Amino acid sequence: MLTVFGDESYDEKKQRVYAVSGLSGTQQEWDDISVKWIQQTGGVPFHAADCEAGRGDYKGNSPEKNKKLLIDMTKIIANSKVMGYAAVLDLVAQRKYFPGRLKNYAYYFCFSSVVQHFAELSGLYFPSEKKSGIYI
C-alpha cells in the first residue's frame, strides 16, 4: 500500500500563487524517513512555513539555524525513496485569462491534479493482475 501525505501553500493573501503538493511512499519508506526526521527535529512537529519565517517553535532560533534545518529536512526527503508531486497555479494569470472562476477554484484544481497523479502512480506501482481475462 502507498500512503500519501499532502499540504497546501499560498502567499499571505492568496493573490499570487496557490500550490498543493504530496509525498507518496510505502510504509517502509515512511518508517525510514521517520527515524531521521525525529532525530533532526527532536520530536517537535516540523512546519516549514513557520521555520522559514521564524515563527512558532522556531521563533527563538537564528535565521541561519532555521535555514539549516529547512535544508536538512529537504535533504531527508530528497535522499529517500518517497515520491513527490505538486500542482501550482499562477493566480494573477488565472484572474487575467480566466476571470469569473469559482472562489476556491485554485484549491480544487491543484488538489485534484495531485490526487489524479498519485492515483495514476499507484496503478504503475501496483500493476493489475490478469485473471480469467479480467484485470483486478
N, C-alpha and C. Protein backbone atom coordinates (compact mmCIF):
# COMPACT_ATOMS: atom_id res chain seq x y z
N MET A 1 0.84 -1.17 0.00
CA MET A 1 0.00 0.00 0.00
C MET A 1 0.89 1.24 0.00
N LEU A 2 0.47 2.25 -0.73
CA LEU A 2 1.13 3.54 -0.73
C LEU A 2 0.32 4.50 0.14
N THR A 3 1.01 5.32 0.88
CA THR A 3 0.37 6.36 1.68
C THR A 3 0.84 7.70 1.17
N VAL A 4 -0.09 8.64 1.02
CA VAL A 4 0.24 9.97 0.53
C VAL A 4 -0.06 10.98 1.64
N PHE A 5 0.90 11.87 1.87
CA PHE A 5 0.70 13.00 2.76
C PHE A 5 0.78 14.25 1.91
N GLY A 6 -0.17 15.15 2.10
CA GLY A 6 -0.20 16.35 1.27
C GLY A 6 -0.36 17.61 2.10
N ASP A 7 -0.15 18.72 1.43
CA ASP A 7 -0.28 20.02 2.07
C ASP A 7 -0.56 21.07 1.00
N GLU A 8 -1.12 22.17 1.43
CA GLU A 8 -1.35 23.28 0.52
C GLU A 8 -0.51 24.46 0.97
N SER A 9 -0.24 25.36 0.05
CA SER A 9 0.54 26.54 0.36
C SER A 9 0.14 27.67 -0.56
N TYR A 10 0.29 28.90 -0.07
CA TYR A 10 -0.08 30.07 -0.87
C TYR A 10 0.57 31.28 -0.25
N ASP A 11 0.60 32.36 -1.01
CA ASP A 11 1.13 33.60 -0.46
C ASP A 11 0.16 34.12 0.61
N GLU A 12 0.64 35.06 1.39
CA GLU A 12 -0.10 35.51 2.57
C GLU A 12 -1.52 35.98 2.31
N LYS A 13 -1.82 36.48 1.12
CA LYS A 13 -3.16 36.97 0.81
C LYS A 13 -3.87 36.15 -0.27
N LYS A 14 -3.29 35.05 -0.65
CA LYS A 14 -3.84 34.20 -1.72
C LYS A 14 -4.09 35.02 -2.99
N GLN A 15 -3.12 35.85 -3.34
CA GLN A 15 -3.25 36.71 -4.51
C GLN A 15 -2.33 36.33 -5.66
N ARG A 16 -1.19 35.68 -5.37
CA ARG A 16 -0.20 35.44 -6.42
C ARG A 16 -0.06 33.98 -6.83
N VAL A 17 -0.02 33.08 -5.85
CA VAL A 17 0.25 31.68 -6.18
C VAL A 17 -0.46 30.77 -5.18
N TYR A 18 -0.86 29.61 -5.68
CA TYR A 18 -1.51 28.60 -4.84
C TYR A 18 -0.92 27.26 -5.23
N ALA A 19 -0.62 26.43 -4.25
CA ALA A 19 0.00 25.14 -4.53
C ALA A 19 -0.55 24.06 -3.61
N VAL A 20 -0.61 22.86 -4.14
CA VAL A 20 -0.90 21.66 -3.35
C VAL A 20 0.17 20.65 -3.74
N SER A 21 0.74 20.01 -2.74
CA SER A 21 1.78 19.01 -3.02
C SER A 21 1.55 17.78 -2.17
N GLY A 22 2.21 16.71 -2.57
CA GLY A 22 2.10 15.48 -1.82
C GLY A 22 3.36 14.65 -1.93
N LEU A 23 3.54 13.78 -0.95
CA LEU A 23 4.63 12.81 -0.96
C LEU A 23 4.00 11.44 -0.77
N SER A 24 4.46 10.48 -1.56
CA SER A 24 3.89 9.14 -1.54
C SER A 24 4.98 8.11 -1.30
N GLY A 25 4.68 7.13 -0.46
CA GLY A 25 5.64 6.07 -0.21
C GLY A 25 4.99 4.88 0.48
N THR A 26 5.76 3.80 0.53
CA THR A 26 5.32 2.61 1.25
C THR A 26 5.55 2.83 2.74
N GLN A 27 5.01 1.93 3.56
CA GLN A 27 5.20 2.06 5.00
C GLN A 27 6.69 2.00 5.34
N GLN A 28 7.44 1.13 4.69
CA GLN A 28 8.87 1.03 4.96
C GLN A 28 9.59 2.33 4.62
N GLU A 29 9.21 2.94 3.50
CA GLU A 29 9.83 4.21 3.11
C GLU A 29 9.52 5.32 4.10
N TRP A 30 8.28 5.35 4.61
CA TRP A 30 7.92 6.34 5.62
C TRP A 30 8.64 6.06 6.93
N ASP A 31 8.77 4.78 7.29
CA ASP A 31 9.48 4.43 8.52
C ASP A 31 10.94 4.88 8.44
N ASP A 32 11.57 4.69 7.28
CA ASP A 32 12.96 5.11 7.10
C ASP A 32 13.12 6.61 7.29
N ILE A 33 12.18 7.37 6.77
CA ILE A 33 12.22 8.83 6.92
C ILE A 33 11.94 9.23 8.36
N SER A 34 10.99 8.58 9.00
CA SER A 34 10.56 8.97 10.35
C SER A 34 11.71 8.98 11.35
N VAL A 35 12.57 7.98 11.28
CA VAL A 35 13.70 7.89 12.22
C VAL A 35 14.58 9.12 12.06
N LYS A 36 14.95 9.43 10.83
CA LYS A 36 15.83 10.59 10.56
C LYS A 36 15.11 11.90 10.89
N TRP A 37 13.82 11.96 10.58
CA TRP A 37 13.01 13.16 10.80
C TRP A 37 12.98 13.52 12.28
N ILE A 38 12.68 12.52 13.11
CA ILE A 38 12.58 12.75 14.55
C ILE A 38 13.94 13.10 15.15
N GLN A 39 14.99 12.45 14.65
CA GLN A 39 16.33 12.80 15.12
C GLN A 39 16.65 14.27 14.81
N GLN A 40 16.28 14.72 13.63
CA GLN A 40 16.59 16.08 13.20
C GLN A 40 15.76 17.12 13.95
N THR A 41 14.49 16.82 14.20
CA THR A 41 13.60 17.81 14.83
C THR A 41 13.53 17.68 16.34
N GLY A 42 14.07 16.60 16.88
CA GLY A 42 13.94 16.37 18.32
C GLY A 42 12.51 16.07 18.72
N GLY A 43 11.69 15.65 17.75
CA GLY A 43 10.30 15.31 18.03
C GLY A 43 9.34 16.47 17.94
N VAL A 44 9.85 17.67 17.66
CA VAL A 44 8.99 18.85 17.51
C VAL A 44 8.34 18.79 16.14
N PRO A 45 7.01 18.91 16.05
CA PRO A 45 6.37 18.89 14.73
C PRO A 45 6.97 19.96 13.82
N PHE A 46 7.34 19.55 12.61
CA PHE A 46 8.01 20.46 11.68
C PHE A 46 7.00 21.18 10.79
N HIS A 47 7.08 22.50 10.78
CA HIS A 47 6.25 23.34 9.91
C HIS A 47 7.18 24.24 9.12
N ALA A 48 7.37 23.93 7.85
CA ALA A 48 8.33 24.64 7.02
C ALA A 48 8.06 26.14 6.96
N ALA A 49 6.81 26.53 6.83
CA ALA A 49 6.49 27.96 6.74
C ALA A 49 6.88 28.68 8.02
N ASP A 50 6.60 28.07 9.17
CA ASP A 50 6.99 28.68 10.45
C ASP A 50 8.50 28.72 10.60
N CYS A 51 9.16 27.65 10.18
CA CYS A 51 10.62 27.60 10.27
C CYS A 51 11.25 28.70 9.41
N GLU A 52 10.77 28.83 8.20
CA GLU A 52 11.32 29.84 7.29
C GLU A 52 11.08 31.26 7.81
N ALA A 53 9.91 31.49 8.41
CA ALA A 53 9.56 32.82 8.89
C ALA A 53 10.03 33.10 10.31
N GLY A 54 10.56 32.07 11.00
CA GLY A 54 10.99 32.27 12.38
C GLY A 54 9.84 32.45 13.34
N ARG A 55 8.73 31.73 13.09
CA ARG A 55 7.54 31.81 13.96
C ARG A 55 7.39 30.51 14.76
N GLY A 56 6.48 30.55 15.70
CA GLY A 56 6.12 29.33 16.46
C GLY A 56 7.32 28.72 17.17
N ASP A 57 7.50 27.42 16.98
CA ASP A 57 8.59 26.69 17.64
C ASP A 57 9.97 27.17 17.22
N TYR A 58 10.06 27.96 16.16
CA TYR A 58 11.34 28.39 15.60
C TYR A 58 11.64 29.86 15.90
N LYS A 59 10.78 30.49 16.68
CA LYS A 59 10.89 31.92 16.94
C LYS A 59 12.21 32.30 17.59
N GLY A 60 12.71 31.50 18.50
CA GLY A 60 13.94 31.83 19.21
C GLY A 60 15.21 31.48 18.46
N ASN A 61 15.09 30.81 17.33
CA ASN A 61 16.27 30.39 16.57
C ASN A 61 16.80 31.53 15.70
N SER A 62 18.07 31.46 15.40
CA SER A 62 18.65 32.42 14.46
C SER A 62 18.17 32.06 13.06
N PRO A 63 18.13 33.05 12.16
CA PRO A 63 17.75 32.74 10.76
C PRO A 63 18.66 31.67 10.14
N GLU A 64 19.92 31.66 10.50
CA GLU A 64 20.86 30.67 9.97
C GLU A 64 20.50 29.27 10.44
N LYS A 65 20.13 29.14 11.71
CA LYS A 65 19.74 27.82 12.24
C LYS A 65 18.48 27.32 11.55
N ASN A 66 17.50 28.20 11.36
CA ASN A 66 16.26 27.81 10.69
C ASN A 66 16.52 27.42 9.23
N LYS A 67 17.38 28.17 8.56
CA LYS A 67 17.71 27.86 7.17
C LYS A 67 18.38 26.49 7.08
N LYS A 68 19.30 26.21 7.99
CA LYS A 68 19.97 24.90 8.01
C LYS A 68 18.97 23.78 8.25
N LEU A 69 18.03 24.00 9.17
CA LEU A 69 17.01 22.98 9.44
C LEU A 69 16.16 22.72 8.19
N LEU A 70 15.75 23.78 7.51
CA LEU A 70 14.98 23.60 6.26
C LEU A 70 15.77 22.79 5.25
N ILE A 71 17.03 23.09 5.09
CA ILE A 71 17.88 22.36 4.14
C ILE A 71 18.01 20.90 4.56
N ASP A 72 18.25 20.67 5.85
CA ASP A 72 18.41 19.31 6.35
C ASP A 72 17.13 18.49 6.16
N MET A 73 15.98 19.10 6.43
CA MET A 73 14.71 18.38 6.26
C MET A 73 14.45 18.08 4.79
N THR A 74 14.79 19.02 3.93
CA THR A 74 14.63 18.80 2.49
C THR A 74 15.52 17.66 2.03
N LYS A 75 16.73 17.59 2.54
CA LYS A 75 17.66 16.52 2.16
C LYS A 75 17.14 15.15 2.60
N ILE A 76 16.50 15.09 3.76
CA ILE A 76 15.94 13.82 4.22
C ILE A 76 14.94 13.30 3.19
N ILE A 77 14.07 14.17 2.71
CA ILE A 77 13.08 13.76 1.71
C ILE A 77 13.76 13.45 0.38
N ALA A 78 14.67 14.33 -0.05
CA ALA A 78 15.32 14.15 -1.35
C ALA A 78 16.15 12.86 -1.41
N ASN A 79 16.72 12.46 -0.29
CA ASN A 79 17.54 11.25 -0.26
C ASN A 79 16.74 10.00 0.06
N SER A 80 15.44 10.11 0.14
CA SER A 80 14.58 8.97 0.44
C SER A 80 14.01 8.39 -0.86
N LYS A 81 13.20 7.37 -0.68
CA LYS A 81 12.55 6.75 -1.85
C LYS A 81 11.11 7.22 -2.03
N VAL A 82 10.65 8.13 -1.17
CA VAL A 82 9.30 8.64 -1.37
C VAL A 82 9.28 9.49 -2.64
N MET A 83 8.11 9.56 -3.25
CA MET A 83 7.95 10.31 -4.49
C MET A 83 7.06 11.52 -4.23
N GLY A 84 7.40 12.63 -4.85
CA GLY A 84 6.65 13.84 -4.64
C GLY A 84 6.04 14.37 -5.92
N TYR A 85 5.01 15.19 -5.75
CA TYR A 85 4.36 15.83 -6.88
C TYR A 85 3.67 17.09 -6.36
N ALA A 86 3.67 18.13 -7.17
CA ALA A 86 3.00 19.37 -6.79
C ALA A 86 2.27 19.95 -7.98
N ALA A 87 1.17 20.61 -7.70
CA ALA A 87 0.44 21.38 -8.71
C ALA A 87 0.38 22.81 -8.21
N VAL A 88 0.76 23.73 -9.08
CA VAL A 88 0.84 25.14 -8.69
C VAL A 88 0.07 25.97 -9.70
N LEU A 89 -0.66 26.95 -9.21
CA LEU A 89 -1.45 27.81 -10.09
C LEU A 89 -1.04 29.27 -9.89
N ASP A 90 -0.75 29.93 -11.00
CA ASP A 90 -0.44 31.36 -11.02
C ASP A 90 -1.77 32.10 -10.93
N LEU A 91 -2.08 32.65 -9.77
CA LEU A 91 -3.38 33.28 -9.55
C LEU A 91 -3.55 34.58 -10.34
N VAL A 92 -2.46 35.29 -10.59
CA VAL A 92 -2.53 36.51 -11.39
C VAL A 92 -2.97 36.17 -12.81
N ALA A 93 -2.34 35.17 -13.40
CA ALA A 93 -2.70 34.76 -14.76
C ALA A 93 -4.11 34.19 -14.80
N GLN A 94 -4.49 33.44 -13.77
CA GLN A 94 -5.85 32.89 -13.73
C GLN A 94 -6.89 34.00 -13.78
N ARG A 95 -6.70 35.04 -12.96
CA ARG A 95 -7.66 36.15 -12.95
C ARG A 95 -7.67 36.89 -14.29
N LYS A 96 -6.50 37.02 -14.92
CA LYS A 96 -6.41 37.75 -16.18
C LYS A 96 -7.05 36.98 -17.33
N TYR A 97 -6.71 35.70 -17.45
CA TYR A 97 -7.16 34.93 -18.61
C TYR A 97 -8.43 34.12 -18.39
N PHE A 98 -8.76 33.86 -17.14
CA PHE A 98 -9.97 33.09 -16.83
C PHE A 98 -10.75 33.78 -15.73
N PRO A 99 -11.23 35.00 -15.98
CA PRO A 99 -11.96 35.72 -14.94
C PRO A 99 -13.28 35.00 -14.61
N GLY A 100 -13.73 35.20 -13.41
CA GLY A 100 -15.02 34.64 -13.02
C GLY A 100 -14.96 33.19 -12.56
N ARG A 101 -13.78 32.65 -12.31
CA ARG A 101 -13.69 31.28 -11.79
C ARG A 101 -14.29 31.22 -10.40
N LEU A 102 -14.68 30.03 -10.00
CA LEU A 102 -15.21 29.82 -8.65
C LEU A 102 -14.21 30.29 -7.60
N LYS A 103 -14.70 30.67 -6.45
CA LYS A 103 -13.85 31.21 -5.39
C LYS A 103 -12.72 30.26 -5.03
N ASN A 104 -12.99 29.00 -4.88
CA ASN A 104 -11.97 28.02 -4.46
C ASN A 104 -11.41 27.21 -5.62
N TYR A 105 -11.50 27.74 -6.82
CA TYR A 105 -11.03 27.02 -8.00
C TYR A 105 -9.57 26.58 -7.86
N ALA A 106 -8.71 27.46 -7.39
CA ALA A 106 -7.28 27.14 -7.29
C ALA A 106 -7.06 25.90 -6.43
N TYR A 107 -7.73 25.84 -5.29
CA TYR A 107 -7.59 24.67 -4.42
C TYR A 107 -8.07 23.41 -5.12
N TYR A 108 -9.25 23.45 -5.69
CA TYR A 108 -9.80 22.25 -6.33
C TYR A 108 -8.96 21.82 -7.53
N PHE A 109 -8.48 22.76 -8.31
CA PHE A 109 -7.65 22.43 -9.46
C PHE A 109 -6.36 21.76 -9.01
N CYS A 110 -5.67 22.38 -8.07
CA CYS A 110 -4.39 21.83 -7.61
C CYS A 110 -4.59 20.50 -6.87
N PHE A 111 -5.57 20.45 -5.99
CA PHE A 111 -5.82 19.23 -5.23
C PHE A 111 -6.17 18.06 -6.15
N SER A 112 -7.08 18.28 -7.09
CA SER A 112 -7.48 17.18 -7.98
C SER A 112 -6.32 16.75 -8.87
N SER A 113 -5.46 17.68 -9.26
CA SER A 113 -4.28 17.31 -10.07
C SER A 113 -3.34 16.40 -9.29
N VAL A 114 -3.14 16.71 -8.01
CA VAL A 114 -2.25 15.89 -7.18
C VAL A 114 -2.88 14.52 -6.93
N VAL A 115 -4.16 14.48 -6.62
CA VAL A 115 -4.84 13.20 -6.40
C VAL A 115 -4.78 12.34 -7.66
N GLN A 116 -5.05 12.94 -8.81
CA GLN A 116 -5.00 12.19 -10.07
C GLN A 116 -3.61 11.64 -10.32
N HIS A 117 -2.59 12.43 -10.09
CA HIS A 117 -1.21 11.97 -10.31
C HIS A 117 -0.92 10.73 -9.45
N PHE A 118 -1.25 10.81 -8.16
CA PHE A 118 -0.93 9.69 -7.29
C PHE A 118 -1.82 8.47 -7.56
N ALA A 119 -3.02 8.68 -8.04
CA ALA A 119 -3.87 7.55 -8.45
C ALA A 119 -3.24 6.84 -9.64
N GLU A 120 -2.76 7.60 -10.61
CA GLU A 120 -2.09 7.00 -11.77
C GLU A 120 -0.79 6.32 -11.35
N LEU A 121 -0.05 6.94 -10.46
CA LEU A 121 1.20 6.37 -9.98
C LEU A 121 0.95 5.04 -9.28
N SER A 122 -0.09 4.96 -8.49
CA SER A 122 -0.38 3.70 -7.79
C SER A 122 -0.68 2.58 -8.77
N GLY A 123 -1.28 2.91 -9.90
CA GLY A 123 -1.53 1.90 -10.93
C GLY A 123 -0.25 1.38 -11.55
N LEU A 124 0.76 2.23 -11.62
CA LEU A 124 2.07 1.79 -12.14
C LEU A 124 2.86 1.05 -11.08
N TYR A 125 2.72 1.49 -9.84
CA TYR A 125 3.47 0.90 -8.74
C TYR A 125 2.95 -0.50 -8.43
N PHE A 126 1.64 -0.67 -8.51
CA PHE A 126 0.99 -1.95 -8.24
C PHE A 126 0.20 -2.36 -9.47
N PRO A 127 0.86 -2.92 -10.48
CA PRO A 127 0.14 -3.27 -11.71
C PRO A 127 -0.96 -4.30 -11.45
N SER A 128 -2.00 -4.21 -12.25
CA SER A 128 -3.12 -5.14 -12.14
C SER A 128 -2.68 -6.54 -12.52
N GLU A 129 -3.33 -7.51 -11.92
CA GLU A 129 -3.09 -8.90 -12.28
C GLU A 129 -4.21 -9.35 -13.21
N LYS A 130 -3.85 -10.09 -14.23
CA LYS A 130 -4.87 -10.57 -15.16
C LYS A 130 -5.28 -11.97 -14.73
N LYS A 131 -6.58 -12.12 -14.48
CA LYS A 131 -7.13 -13.42 -14.10
C LYS A 131 -8.38 -13.64 -14.93
N SER A 132 -8.39 -14.67 -15.68
CA SER A 132 -9.56 -15.05 -16.48
C SER A 132 -10.01 -13.89 -17.39
N GLY A 133 -9.06 -13.18 -17.96
CA GLY A 133 -9.39 -12.10 -18.89
C GLY A 133 -9.87 -10.84 -18.20
N ILE A 134 -9.89 -10.82 -16.87
CA ILE A 134 -10.35 -9.65 -16.13
C ILE A 134 -9.17 -9.08 -15.35
N TYR A 135 -8.99 -7.78 -15.43
CA TYR A 135 -7.92 -7.13 -14.68
C TYR A 135 -8.46 -6.68 -13.33
N ILE A 136 -7.72 -7.03 -12.30
CA ILE A 136 -8.14 -6.62 -10.94
C ILE A 136 -7.05 -5.80 -10.29
